[in-house]
Amino acid sequence: MLSSQPKTTQTGHSAKLVFDDVDTFGSLCGPCNATLNRIEKDSNVSLHVRGLEVTVEGDVDTVAIASRAIEQVYALVRRGVVLTDDDISRAIVALKSDINTDLGAVFSDVVMSPQNGVPITAKGIAQKNYVNAVKNSDIVFAIGPAGTGKTYLAVAMAAKAFMDHQVKRIILTRPAVEAGERLGFLPGTMEDKVNPYLKPLYDALHDMMDDERVHRLVEKSIIEVAPLAFMRGRTLNDAFVIFDEAQNATSEQMKMFLTRLGKNSKAVVNGDVTQTDLPTGVRSGLCEAQDILKHVKGISICLLDSIDVVRHPLVRDIVDAYKKSGH
């Protein structure tokens, strides 16, 4: 009888992994061996399946990486963790960086469990580091391209902190100037002008809590969603504060925001320094803060990249294409 864990024997540049659970092995392979095919492609190895055995062939390093990936993915699916193709790719990237990476610590660490939805977890090492930074630091800068989960994870952690009574308020803010548009030129009341800019924050929040509760908490100002200008002159105590699209803040606005933080509060500052909408010649306050504050104790700076994109796979390709073009 085989043990509950896969056994590995290596000879030259090949490894044979033997498994004992038919159902788990089927989940490991995926539909039409899709999961194993992804591991094979991303690890640059050849995989051969026979019964409950997988033979891995390639050079020494790639065989080690692929074998480690297969073993850990098997353990994850046995625990009921569902991994997408993109998750597998991020897992291979993590193992290439450090073969001792514990994928279970990354993909099975639940950030929060919405009442009606799939548990929210980190999607890769960079996101896991981001989550850990928010847990351990009072101010966190998350800098990376669109689609890397910066805002979504921050809102998830804010909702969790609120529901666990760690903070009394959630405050979501962002500059209300984007893509060449200014509030004064937009039609409607101030609320009409501001809401379109804050909708991504509302959308994420509604994924964490039911609509009625969000509406009730917003009415009581326990959850506050406001443009950055409304932060001036305030002291934010007992709050989880998320500053989104921070690349569009000037130096003065960034300093103003960071000095609002009060007792028992956390601030998460998110942005993509490649997508600033500030006038030509005006340096982003996010870029400046990254340089000035990188050595300040209690502040963490997390960098995410295209591999961390969790939107449509084409988003990652678009980010990479623009990076290569120098834009």
C-alpha atoms as a PDB file:
ATOM      1  CA  MET A   1       0.000   0.000   0.000  1.00  0.00           C
ATOM      2  CA  LEU A   2       1.382   3.382  -0.973  1.00  0.00           C
ATOM      3  CA  SER A   3       1.715   6.220   1.518  1.00  0.00           C
ATOM      4  CA  SER A   4      -0.570   9.260   1.369  1.00  0.00           C
ATOM      5  CA  GLN A   5       2.272  11.367  -0.031  1.00  0.00           C
ATOM      6  CA  PRO A   6       3.886  10.897  -3.459  1.00  0.00           C
ATOM      7  CA  LYS A   7       7.207   9.082  -3.536  1.00  0.00           C
ATOM      8  CA  THR A   8      10.004  10.310  -5.747  1.00  0.00           C
ATOM      9  CA  THR A   9      12.965   8.382  -7.080  1.00  0.00           C
ATOM     10  CA  GLN A  10      15.497  10.095  -9.326  1.00  0.00           C
ATOM     11  CA  THR A  11      17.830   8.660 -11.921  1.00  0.00           C
ATOM     12  CA  GLY A  12      19.907  11.041 -14.067  1.00  0.00           C
ATOM     13  CA  HIS A  13      17.641  13.715 -15.461  1.00  0.00           C
ATOM     14  CA  SER A  14      14.335  12.010 -14.798  1.00  0.00           C
ATOM     15  CA  ALA A  15      12.107  11.494 -11.780  1.00  0.00           C
ATOM     16  CA  LYS A  16       9.209   9.140 -11.175  1.00  0.00           C
ATOM     17  CA  LEU A  17       6.420  10.255  -8.864  1.00  0.00           C
ATOM     18  CA  VAL A  18       4.001   7.615  -7.597  1.00  0.00           C
ATOM     19  CA  PHE A  19       0.605   8.517  -6.110  1.00  0.00           C
ATOM     20  CA  ASP A  20      -1.951   6.543  -4.132  1.00  0.00           C
ATOM     21  CA  ASP A  21      -5.308   8.320  -4.481  1.00  0.00           C
ATOM     22  CA  VAL A  22      -7.165   7.945  -7.779  1.00  0.00           C
ATOM     23  CA  ASP A  23      -9.548  10.872  -7.270  1.00  0.00           C
ATOM     24  CA  THR A  24      -6.856  13.283  -6.120  1.00  0.00           C
ATOM     25  CA  PHE A  25      -4.601  12.187  -8.950  1.00  0.00           C
ATOM     26  CA  GLY A  26      -7.398  12.887 -11.419  1.00  0.00           C
ATOM     27  CA  SER A  27      -7.777  16.398  -9.981  1.00  0.00           C
ATOM     28  CA  LEU A  28      -4.009  16.860 -10.183  1.00  0.00           C
ATOM     29  CA  CYS A  29      -3.973  15.946 -13.870  1.00  0.00           C
ATOM     30  CA  GLY A  30      -6.959  18.172 -14.655  1.00  0.00           C
ATOM     31  CA  PRO A  31      -9.355  17.848 -17.606  1.00  0.00           C
ATOM     32  CA  CYS A  32      -7.458  16.234 -20.489  1.00  0.00           C
ATOM     33  CA  ASN A  33      -4.281  16.535 -18.371  1.00  0.00           C
ATOM     34  CA  ALA A  34      -4.541  20.344 -18.579  1.00  0.00           C
ATOM     35  CA  THR A  35      -2.816  20.963 -15.231  1.00  0.00           C
ATOM     36  CA  LEU A  36       0.073  18.632 -15.993  1.00  0.00           C
ATOM     37  CA  ASN A  37       0.365  20.142 -19.460  1.00  0.00           C
ATOM     38  CA  ARG A  38       0.703  23.597 -17.892  1.00  0.00           C
ATOM     39  CA  ILE A  39       3.396  22.352 -15.499  1.00  0.00           C
ATOM     40  CA  GLU A  40       5.169  20.656 -18.409  1.00  0.00           C
ATOM     41  CA  LYS A  41       5.146  23.812 -20.536  1.00  0.00           C
ATOM     42  CA  ASP A  42       6.084  26.303 -17.809  1.00  0.00           C
ATOM     43  CA  SER A  43       8.813  24.063 -16.352  1.00  0.00           C
ATOM     44  CA  ASN A  44      10.241  23.124 -19.765  1.00  0.00           C
ATOM     45  CA  VAL A  45      10.155  19.376 -19.039  1.00  0.00           C
ATOM     46  CA  SER A  46       8.513  16.312 -20.558  1.00  0.00           C
ATOM     47  CA  LEU A  47       5.849  14.527 -18.522  1.00  0.00           C
ATOM     48  CA  HIS A  48       4.642  10.973 -19.094  1.00  0.00           C
ATOM     49  CA  VAL A  49       1.619   9.573 -17.262  1.00  0.00           C
ATOM     50  CA  ARG A  50       1.042   5.865 -16.703  1.00  0.00           C
ATOM     51  CA  GLY A  51      -1.572   4.764 -14.228  1.00  0.00           C
ATOM     52  CA  LEU A  52      -0.896   6.680 -11.011  1.00  0.00           C
ATOM     53  CA  GLU A  53       2.677   7.457 -12.007  1.00  0.00           C
ATOM     54  CA  VAL A  54       4.179  10.585 -13.533  1.00  0.00           C
ATOM     55  CA  THR A  55       7.657  10.505 -15.056  1.00  0.00           C
ATOM     56  CA  VAL A  56       9.429  13.857 -15.359  1.00  0.00           C
ATOM     57  CA  GLU A  57      12.266  14.277 -17.876  1.00  0.00           C
ATOM     58  CA  GLY A  58      14.512  17.279 -18.471  1.00  0.00           C
ATOM     59  CA  ASP A  59      17.671  18.816 -17.093  1.00  0.00           C
ATOM     60  CA  VAL A  60      18.490  18.552 -13.405  1.00  0.00           C
ATOM     61  CA  ASP A  61      17.037  21.909 -12.385  1.00  0.00           C
ATOM     62  CA  THR A  62      13.834  21.736 -14.414  1.00  0.00           C
ATOM     63  CA  VAL A  63      13.126  18.177 -13.262  1.00  0.00           C
ATOM     64  CA  ALA A  64      13.533  19.284  -9.647  1.00  0.00           C
ATOM     65  CA  ILE A  65      11.194  22.268 -10.139  1.00  0.00           C
ATOM     66  CA  ALA A  66       8.507  20.305 -11.972  1.00  0.00           C
ATOM     67  CA  SER A  67       8.652  17.450  -9.464  1.00  0.00           C
ATOM     68  CA  ARG A  68       8.332  19.837  -6.552  1.00  0.00           C
ATOM     69  CA  ALA A  69       5.403  21.573  -8.274  1.00  0.00           C
ATOM     70  CA  ILE A  70       3.575  18.291  -8.923  1.00  0.00           C
ATOM     71  CA  GLU A  71       4.066  17.087  -5.349  1.00  0.00           C
ATOM     72  CA  GLN A  72       2.812  20.326  -3.848  1.00  0.00           C
ATOM     73  CA  VAL A  73      -0.127  20.734  -6.236  1.00  0.00           C
ATOM     74  CA  TYR A  74      -1.154  17.150  -5.415  1.00  0.00           C
ATOM     75  CA  ALA A  75      -1.111  18.014  -1.710  1.00  0.00           C
ATOM     76  CA  LEU A  76      -3.158  21.177  -2.326  1.00  0.00           C
ATOM     77  CA  VAL A  77      -5.866  19.532  -4.428  1.00  0.00           C
ATOM     78  CA  ARG A  78      -6.075  16.746  -1.836  1.00  0.00           C
ATOM     79  CA  ARG A  79      -7.010  19.475   0.665  1.00  0.00           C
ATOM     80  CA  GLY A  80      -9.674  20.790  -1.707  1.00  0.00           C
ATOM     81  CA  VAL A  81      -7.775  23.847  -2.954  1.00  0.00           C
ATOM     82  CA  VAL A  82      -8.785  24.761  -6.512  1.00  0.00           C
ATOM     83  CA  LEU A  83      -5.964  26.118  -8.677  1.00  0.00           C
ATOM     84  CA  THR A  84      -6.377  27.817 -12.051  1.00  0.00           C
ATOM     85  CA  ASP A  85      -3.920  27.629 -14.952  1.00  0.00           C
ATOM     86  CA  ASP A  86      -2.629  31.062 -13.944  1.00  0.00           C
ATOM     87  CA  ASP A  87      -2.133  29.847 -10.370  1.00  0.00           C
ATOM     88  CA  ILE A  88      -0.013  26.982 -11.712  1.00  0.00           C
ATOM     89  CA  SER A  89       2.084  29.412 -13.755  1.00  0.00           C
ATOM     90  CA  ARG A  90       2.635  31.624 -10.726  1.00  0.00           C
ATOM     91  CA  ALA A  91       3.558  28.551  -8.682  1.00  0.00           C
ATOM     92  CA  ILE A  92       6.238  27.581 -11.220  1.00  0.00           C
ATOM     93  CA  VAL A  93       7.624  31.133 -11.190  1.00  0.00           C
ATOM     94  CA  ALA A  94       7.807  30.990  -7.389  1.00  0.00           C
ATOM     95  CA  LEU A  95       9.617  27.636  -7.428  1.00  0.00           C
ATOM     96  CA  LYS A  96      12.071  28.870 -10.052  1.00  0.00           C
ATOM     97  CA  SER A  97      12.896  31.719  -7.699  1.00  0.00           C
ATOM     98  CA  ASP A  98      13.146  29.432  -4.648  1.00  0.00           C
ATOM     99  CA  ILE A  99      12.589  25.703  -4.988  1.00  0.00           C
ATOM    100  CA  ASN A 100      11.861  25.482  -1.259  1.00  0.00           C
ATOM    101  CA  THR A 101       8.792  27.708  -1.603  1.00  0.00           C
ATOM    102  CA  ASP A 102       5.821  26.282   0.284  1.00  0.00           C
ATOM    103  CA  LEU A 103       2.960  26.638  -2.182  1.00  0.00           C
ATOM    104  CA  GLY A 104       0.493  25.585   0.491  1.00  0.00           C
ATOM    105  CA  ALA A 105       1.401  28.638   2.565  1.00  0.00           C
ATOM    106  CA  VAL A 106       0.624  30.813  -0.464  1.00  0.00           C
ATOM    107  CA  PHE A 107      -2.489  29.344  -2.054  1.00  0.00           C
ATOM    108  CA  SER A 108      -4.326  27.980   0.989  1.00  0.00           C
ATOM    109  CA  ASP A 109      -3.942  30.988   3.286  1.00  0.00           C
ATOM    110  CA  VAL A 110      -7.435  32.515   3.316  1.00  0.00           C
ATOM    111  CA  VAL A 111      -7.453  36.305   3.544  1.00  0.00           C
ATOM    112  CA  MET A 112     -11.183  36.324   4.231  1.00  0.00           C
ATOM    113  CA  SER A 113     -14.291  34.267   3.485  1.00  0.00           C
ATOM    114  CA  PRO A 114     -17.183  36.337   2.118  1.00  0.00           C
ATOM    115  CA  GLN A 115     -20.649  35.291   3.266  1.00  0.00           C
ATOM    116  CA  ASN A 116     -21.664  34.422  -0.273  1.00  0.00           C
ATOM    117  CA  GLY A 117     -18.601  33.610  -2.343  1.00  0.00           C
ATOM    118  CA  VAL A 118     -15.314  31.804  -2.802  1.00  0.00           C
ATOM    119  CA  PRO A 119     -12.693  32.324  -0.051  1.00  0.00           C
ATOM    120  CA  ILE A 120     -10.215  35.040  -1.023  1.00  0.00           C
ATOM    121  CA  THR A 121      -6.580  33.925  -1.048  1.00  0.00           C
ATOM    122  CA  ALA A 122      -3.280  35.296  -2.300  1.00  0.00           C
ATOM    123  CA  LYS A 123      -2.438  34.392  -5.890  1.00  0.00           C
ATOM    124  CA  GLY A 124       1.309  33.965  -5.831  1.00  0.00           C
ATOM    125  CA  ILE A 125       4.314  34.937  -3.749  1.00  0.00           C
ATOM    126  CA  ALA A 126       4.093  38.695  -4.372  1.00  0.00           C
ATOM    127  CA  GLN A 127       0.468  38.831  -3.261  1.00  0.00           C
ATOM    128  CA  LYS A 128       1.268  36.655  -0.243  1.00  0.00           C
ATOM    129  CA  ASN A 129       4.064  39.064   0.716  1.00  0.00           C
ATOM    130  CA  TYR A 130       1.633  41.949   0.254  1.00  0.00           C
ATOM    131  CA  VAL A 131      -0.929  40.323   2.571  1.00  0.00           C
ATOM    132  CA  ASN A 132       1.757  39.650   5.185  1.00  0.00           C
ATOM    133  CA  ALA A 133       2.988  43.234   4.937  1.00  0.00           C
ATOM    134  CA  VAL A 134      -0.513  44.582   5.601  1.00  0.00           C
ATOM    135  CA  LYS A 135      -0.796  42.314   8.641  1.00  0.00           C
ATOM    136  CA  ASN A 136       2.561  43.411  10.057  1.00  0.00           C
ATOM    137  CA  SER A 137       2.985  47.069   9.047  1.00  0.00           C
ATOM    138  CA  ASP A 138       0.916  50.169   9.751  1.00  0.00           C
ATOM    139  CA  ILE A 139       1.571  51.698   6.318  1.00  0.00           C
ATOM    140  CA  VAL A 140       1.971  49.610   3.166  1.00  0.00           C
ATOM    141  CA  PHE A 141       2.669  50.763  -0.361  1.00  0.00           C
ATOM    142  CA  ALA A 142       1.591  48.306  -3.061  1.00  0.00           C
ATOM    143  CA  ILE A 143       2.992  49.297  -6.455  1.00  0.00           C
ATOM    144  CA  GLY A 144       2.279  47.355  -9.614  1.00  0.00           C
ATOM    145  CA  PRO A 145       0.350  47.192 -12.884  1.00  0.00           C
ATOM    146  CA  ALA A 146      -3.392  46.986 -13.330  1.00  0.00           C
ATOM    147  CA  GLY A 147      -5.013  43.707 -12.409  1.00  0.00           C
ATOM    148  CA  THR A 148      -2.548  42.543  -9.757  1.00  0.00           C
ATOM    149  CA  GLY A 149      -5.127  42.523  -6.959  1.00  0.00           C
ATOM    150  CA  LYS A 150      -3.785  45.546  -5.080  1.00  0.00           C
ATOM    151  CA  THR A 151      -7.172  47.108  -4.372  1.00  0.00           C
ATOM    152  CA  TYR A 152      -9.161  43.896  -4.064  1.00  0.00           C
ATOM    153  CA  LEU A 153      -6.863  42.354  -1.446  1.00  0.00           C
ATOM    154  CA  ALA A 154      -6.684  45.629   0.487  1.00  0.00           C
ATOM    155  CA  VAL A 155     -10.489  45.860   0.639  1.00  0.00           C
ATOM    156  CA  ALA A 156     -10.681  42.197   1.671  1.00  0.00           C
ATOM    157  CA  MET A 157      -8.247  42.783   4.531  1.00  0.00           C
ATOM    158  CA  ALA A 158     -10.076  45.955   5.558  1.00  0.00           C
ATOM    159  CA  ALA A 159     -13.388  44.082   5.672  1.00  0.00           C
ATOM    160  CA  LYS A 160     -11.784  41.275   7.689  1.00  0.00           C
ATOM    161  CA  ALA A 161     -10.228  43.736  10.168  1.00  0.00           C
ATOM    162  CA  PHE A 162     -13.594  45.455  10.605  1.00  0.00           C
ATOM    163  CA  MET A 163     -15.548  42.228  11.095  1.00  0.00           C
ATOM    164  CA  ASP A 164     -12.934  41.029  13.603  1.00  0.00           C
ATOM    165  CA  HIS A 165     -13.349  44.320  15.533  1.00  0.00           C
ATOM    166  CA  GLN A 166      -9.734  45.321  14.959  1.00  0.00           C
ATOM    167  CA  VAL A 167     -10.849  48.682  13.553  1.00  0.00           C
ATOM    168  CA  LYS A 168     -14.055  50.684  13.835  1.00  0.00           C
ATOM    169  CA  ARG A 169     -14.102  52.242  10.369  1.00  0.00           C
ATOM    170  CA  ILE A 170     -13.117  51.590   6.781  1.00  0.00           C
ATOM    171  CA  ILE A 171     -12.113  54.612   4.740  1.00  0.00           C
ATOM    172  CA  LEU A 172     -11.596  54.343   0.990  1.00  0.00           C
ATOM    173  CA  THR A 173     -10.169  57.257  -0.935  1.00  0.00           C
ATOM    174  CA  ARG A 174      -8.564  58.155  -4.236  1.00  0.00           C
ATOM    175  CA  PRO A 175      -7.738  61.299  -6.217  1.00  0.00           C
ATOM    176  CA  ALA A 176     -10.773  62.434  -8.180  1.00  0.00           C
ATOM    177  CA  VAL A 177      -8.754  63.466 -11.211  1.00  0.00           C
ATOM    178  CA  GLU A 178      -8.031  60.968 -13.959  1.00  0.00           C
ATOM    179  CA  ALA A 179      -7.462  60.654 -17.687  1.00  0.00           C
ATOM    180  CA  GLY A 180      -7.405  64.404 -18.232  1.00  0.00           C
ATOM    181  CA  GLU A 181     -10.807  65.001 -16.605  1.00  0.00           C
ATOM    182  CA  ARG A 182     -11.335  67.331 -13.652  1.00  0.00           C
ATOM    183  CA  LEU A 183     -14.353  67.419 -11.357  1.00  0.00           C
ATOM    184  CA  GLY A 184     -15.328  70.953 -12.284  1.00  0.00           C
ATOM    185  CA  PHE A 185     -15.908  69.970 -15.896  1.00  0.00           C
ATOM    186  CA  LEU A 186     -18.123  66.979 -15.071  1.00  0.00           C
ATOM    187  CA  PRO A 187     -21.938  67.324 -14.904  1.00  0.00           C
ATOM    188  CA  GLY A 188     -24.084  66.808 -11.792  1.00  0.00           C
ATOM    189  CA  THR A 189     -23.717  67.232  -8.047  1.00  0.00           C
ATOM    190  CA  MET A 190     -20.480  66.566  -6.151  1.00  0.00           C
ATOM    191  CA  GLU A 191     -21.753  63.037  -5.381  1.00  0.00           C
ATOM    192  CA  ASP A 192     -22.485  62.467  -9.070  1.00  0.00           C
ATOM    193  CA  LYS A 193     -19.004  63.700  -9.982  1.00  0.00           C
ATOM    194  CA  VAL A 194     -17.195  61.582  -7.396  1.00  0.00           C
ATOM    195  CA  ASN A 195     -19.022  58.236  -7.547  1.00  0.00           C
ATOM    196  CA  PRO A 196     -17.645  57.073 -10.932  1.00  0.00           C
ATOM    197  CA  TYR A 197     -14.099  57.449  -9.603  1.00  0.00           C
ATOM    198  CA  LEU A 198     -14.891  55.462  -6.478  1.00  0.00           C
ATOM    199  CA  LYS A 199     -16.919  52.678  -8.121  1.00  0.00           C
ATOM    200  CA  PRO A 200     -14.018  50.146  -8.207  1.00  0.00           C
ATOM    201  CA  LEU A 201     -13.764  50.480  -4.434  1.00  0.00           C
ATOM    202  CA  TYR A 202     -17.511  50.029  -4.013  1.00  0.00           C
ATOM    203  CA  ASP A 203     -17.468  46.994  -6.313  1.00  0.00           C
ATOM    204  CA  ALA A 204     -14.762  45.279  -4.272  1.00  0.00           C
ATOM    205  CA  LEU A 205     -16.552  46.093  -1.021  1.00  0.00           C
ATOM    206  CA  HIS A 206     -19.825  44.582  -2.260  1.00  0.00           C
ATOM    207  CA  ASP A 207     -17.939  41.361  -2.990  1.00  0.00           C
ATOM    208  CA  MET A 208     -16.949  41.146   0.693  1.00  0.00           C
ATOM    209  CA  MET A 209     -20.266  42.050   2.355  1.00  0.00           C
ATOM    210  CA  ASP A 210     -23.937  41.873   1.407  1.00  0.00           C
ATOM    211  CA  ASP A 211     -25.363  44.968  -0.255  1.00  0.00           C
ATOM    212  CA  GLU A 212     -27.740  45.861   2.571  1.00  0.00           C
ATOM    213  CA  ARG A 213     -24.970  45.821   5.169  1.00  0.00           C
ATOM    214  CA  VAL A 214     -22.663  47.936   2.998  1.00  0.00           C
ATOM    215  CA  HIS A 215     -25.463  50.462   2.426  1.00  0.00           C
ATOM    216  CA  ARG A 216     -26.229  50.622   6.141  1.00  0.00           C
ATOM    217  CA  LEU A 217     -22.568  51.082   7.118  1.00  0.00           C
ATOM    218  CA  VAL A 218     -22.083  53.775   4.464  1.00  0.00           C
ATOM    219  CA  GLU A 219     -25.149  55.637   5.760  1.00  0.00           C
ATOM    220  CA  LYS A 220     -23.654  55.586   9.265  1.00  0.00           C
ATOM    221  CA  SER A 221     -20.239  56.715   7.903  1.00  0.00           C
ATOM    222  CA  ILE A 222     -18.676  53.558   9.350  1.00  0.00           C
ATOM    223  CA  ILE A 223     -17.629  52.858   5.782  1.00  0.00           C
ATOM    224  CA  GLU A 224     -16.595  56.092   4.110  1.00  0.00           C
ATOM    225  CA  VAL A 225     -15.771  56.436   0.447  1.00  0.00           C
ATOM    226  CA  ALA A 226     -14.510  59.897  -0.413  1.00  0.00           C
ATOM    227  CA  PRO A 227     -12.152  61.762  -2.732  1.00  0.00           C
ATOM    228  CA  LEU A 228      -8.671  62.519  -1.417  1.00  0.00           C
ATOM    229  CA  ALA A 229      -9.387  66.217  -0.952  1.00  0.00           C
ATOM    230  CA  PHE A 230     -11.858  65.327   1.817  1.00  0.00           C
ATOM    231  CA  MET A 231      -9.016  63.886   3.936  1.00  0.00           C
ATOM    232  CA  ARG A 232      -7.358  67.256   4.557  1.00  0.00           C
ATOM    233  CA  GLY A 233      -7.321  68.416   8.178  1.00  0.00           C
ATOM    234  CA  ARG A 234      -8.592  65.106   9.604  1.00  0.00           C
ATOM    235  CA  THR A 235      -7.088  62.580  12.028  1.00  0.00           C
ATOM    236  CA  LEU A 236      -8.061  59.025  11.147  1.00  0.00           C
ATOM    237  CA  ASN A 237      -8.256  56.929  14.325  1.00  0.00           C
ATOM    238  CA  ASP A 238      -9.309  53.254  14.629  1.00  0.00           C
ATOM    239  CA  ALA A 239      -9.524  53.007  10.862  1.00  0.00           C
ATOM    240  CA  PHE A 240      -8.348  50.887   7.974  1.00  0.00           C
ATOM    241  CA  VAL A 241      -7.629  53.428   5.241  1.00  0.00           C
ATOM    242  CA  ILE A 242      -7.116  52.517   1.595  1.00  0.00           C
ATOM    243  CA  PHE A 243      -5.658  55.115  -0.762  1.00  0.00           C
ATOM    244  CA  ASP A 244      -6.229  53.863  -4.301  1.00  0.00           C
ATOM    245  CA  GLU A 245      -4.801  55.151  -7.601  1.00  0.00           C
ATOM    246  CA  ALA A 246      -2.130  56.942  -5.564  1.00  0.00           C
ATOM    247  CA  GLN A 247       0.044  57.527  -8.636  1.00  0.00           C
ATOM    248  CA  ASN A 248      -2.278  60.456  -9.382  1.00  0.00           C
ATOM    249  CA  ALA A 249      -1.469  62.226  -6.118  1.00  0.00           C
ATOM    250  CA  THR A 250       0.983  65.104  -6.060  1.00  0.00           C
ATOM    251  CA  SER A 251       3.807  65.250  -3.541  1.00  0.00           C
ATOM    252  CA  GLU A 252       1.783  67.607  -1.322  1.00  0.00           C
ATOM    253  CA  GLN A 253      -1.303  65.386  -1.460  1.00  0.00           C
ATOM    254  CA  MET A 254       0.691  62.277  -0.581  1.00  0.00           C
ATOM    255  CA  LYS A 255       2.302  63.953   2.434  1.00  0.00           C
ATOM    256  CA  MET A 256      -1.107  65.273   3.514  1.00  0.00           C
ATOM    257  CA  PHE A 257      -2.640  61.804   3.348  1.00  0.00           C
ATOM    258  CA  LEU A 258       0.181  59.984   5.154  1.00  0.00           C
ATOM    259  CA  THR A 259       0.088  62.467   8.030  1.00  0.00           C
ATOM    260  CA  ARG A 260      -3.665  61.854   8.603  1.00  0.00           C
ATOM    261  CA  LEU A 261      -3.026  58.439  10.187  1.00  0.00           C
ATOM    262  CA  GLY A 262      -4.158  58.279  13.824  1.00  0.00           C
ATOM    263  CA  LYS A 263      -4.093  55.747  16.647  1.00  0.00           C
ATOM    264  CA  ASN A 264      -4.846  52.079  15.948  1.00  0.00           C
ATOM    265  CA  SER A 265      -5.023  52.674  12.196  1.00  0.00           C
ATOM    266  CA  LYS A 266      -3.555  51.128   9.075  1.00  0.00           C
ATOM    267  CA  ALA A 267      -3.079  52.684   5.668  1.00  0.00           C
ATOM    268  CA  VAL A 268      -2.637  50.864   2.370  1.00  0.00           C
ATOM    269  CA  VAL A 269      -1.464  53.004  -0.536  1.00  0.00           C
ATOM    270  CA  ASN A 270      -1.959  51.460  -3.981  1.00  0.00           C
ATOM    271  CA  GLY A 271      -0.879  52.608  -7.395  1.00  0.00           C
ATOM    272  CA  ASP A 272       0.665  51.944 -10.781  1.00  0.00           C
ATOM    273  CA  VAL A 273       3.523  54.359 -11.414  1.00  0.00           C
ATOM    274  CA  THR A 274       3.332  53.686 -15.169  1.00  0.00           C
ATOM    275  CA  GLN A 275      -0.208  55.116 -15.423  1.00  0.00           C
ATOM    276  CA  THR A 276      -0.041  58.547 -13.839  1.00  0.00           C
ATOM    277  CA  ASP A 277      -2.471  61.146 -15.163  1.00  0.00           C
ATOM    278  CA  LEU A 278      -0.697  64.109 -13.582  1.00  0.00           C
ATOM    279  CA  PRO A 279       0.296  67.022 -15.834  1.00  0.00           C
ATOM    280  CA  THR A 280       3.581  66.721 -17.701  1.00  0.00           C
ATOM    281  CA  GLY A 281       6.499  67.640 -15.476  1.00  0.00           C
ATOM    282  CA  VAL A 282       4.665  66.944 -12.190  1.00  0.00           C
ATOM    283  CA  ARG A 283       6.264  64.028 -10.341  1.00  0.00           C
ATOM    284  CA  SER A 284       3.925  61.485  -8.799  1.00  0.00           C
ATOM    285  CA  GLY A 285       3.750  61.636  -5.022  1.00  0.00           C
ATOM    286  CA  LEU A 286       3.741  57.834  -5.032  1.00  0.00           C
ATOM    287  CA  CYS A 287       7.126  57.675  -6.782  1.00  0.00           C
ATOM    288  CA  GLU A 288       8.536  60.262  -4.403  1.00  0.00           C
ATOM    289  CA  ALA A 289       7.194  58.514  -1.304  1.00  0.00           C
ATOM    290  CA  GLN A 290       8.650  55.209  -2.470  1.00  0.00           C
ATOM    291  CA  ASP A 291      12.113  56.801  -2.522  1.00  0.00           C
ATOM    292  CA  ILE A 292      11.809  58.867   0.658  1.00  0.00           C
ATOM    293  CA  LEU A 293      10.150  56.304   2.940  1.00  0.00           C
ATOM    294  CA  LYS A 294      11.755  53.011   1.878  1.00  0.00           C
ATOM    295  CA  HIS A 295      13.893  52.788   5.016  1.00  0.00           C
ATOM    296  CA  VAL A 296      11.317  54.002   7.546  1.00  0.00           C
ATOM    297  CA  LYS A 297      10.477  51.353  10.150  1.00  0.00           C
ATOM    298  CA  GLY A 298       6.812  50.369  10.167  1.00  0.00           C
ATOM    299  CA  ILE A 299       6.387  51.058   6.449  1.00  0.00           C
ATOM    300  CA  SER A 300       6.474  48.269   3.876  1.00  0.00           C
ATOM    301  CA  ILE A 301       6.792  48.662   0.114  1.00  0.00           C
ATOM    302  CA  CYS A 302       5.507  45.760  -1.992  1.00  0.00           C
ATOM    303  CA  LEU A 303       6.224  45.536  -5.708  1.00  0.00           C
ATOM    304  CA  LEU A 304       4.008  43.475  -7.981  1.00  0.00           C
ATOM    305  CA  ASP A 305       4.639  42.604 -11.628  1.00  0.00           C
ATOM    306  CA  SER A 306       2.837  41.269 -14.681  1.00  0.00           C
ATOM    307  CA  ILE A 307       3.073  37.663 -13.409  1.00  0.00           C
ATOM    308  CA  ASP A 308       0.786  38.733 -10.561  1.00  0.00           C
ATOM    309  CA  VAL A 309      -2.022  39.900 -12.874  1.00  0.00           C
ATOM    310  CA  VAL A 310      -5.229  38.061 -12.002  1.00  0.00           C
ATOM    311  CA  ARG A 311      -7.488  39.500 -14.694  1.00  0.00           C
ATOM    312  CA  HIS A 312      -7.839  38.199 -18.251  1.00  0.00           C
ATOM    313  CA  PRO A 313      -4.559  36.547 -19.386  1.00  0.00           C
ATOM    314  CA  LEU A 314      -4.265  39.173 -22.137  1.00  0.00           C
ATOM    315  CA  VAL A 315      -3.865  41.885 -19.476  1.00  0.00           C
ATOM    316  CA  ARG A 316      -0.515  40.365 -18.513  1.00  0.00           C
ATOM    317  CA  ASP A 317       0.567  40.287 -22.153  1.00  0.00           C
ATOM    318  CA  ILE A 318      -0.506  43.912 -22.606  1.00  0.00           C
ATOM    319  CA  VAL A 319       1.463  44.998 -19.523  1.00  0.00           C
ATOM    320  CA  ASP A 320       4.554  43.142 -20.777  1.00  0.00           C
ATOM    321  CA  ALA A 321       4.215  44.587 -24.295  1.00  0.00           C
ATOM    322  CA  TYR A 322       4.052  48.167 -22.992  1.00  0.00           C
ATOM    323  CA  LYS A 323       7.005  47.523 -20.666  1.00  0.00           C
ATOM    324  CA  LYS A 324       9.109  46.232 -23.575  1.00  0.00           C
ATOM    325  CA  SER A 325       8.184  49.249 -25.687  1.00  0.00           C
ATOM    326  CA  GLY A 326       9.361  51.602 -22.949  1.00  0.00           C
ATOM    327  CA  HIS A 327       5.904  53.088 -22.331  1.00  0.00           C
END
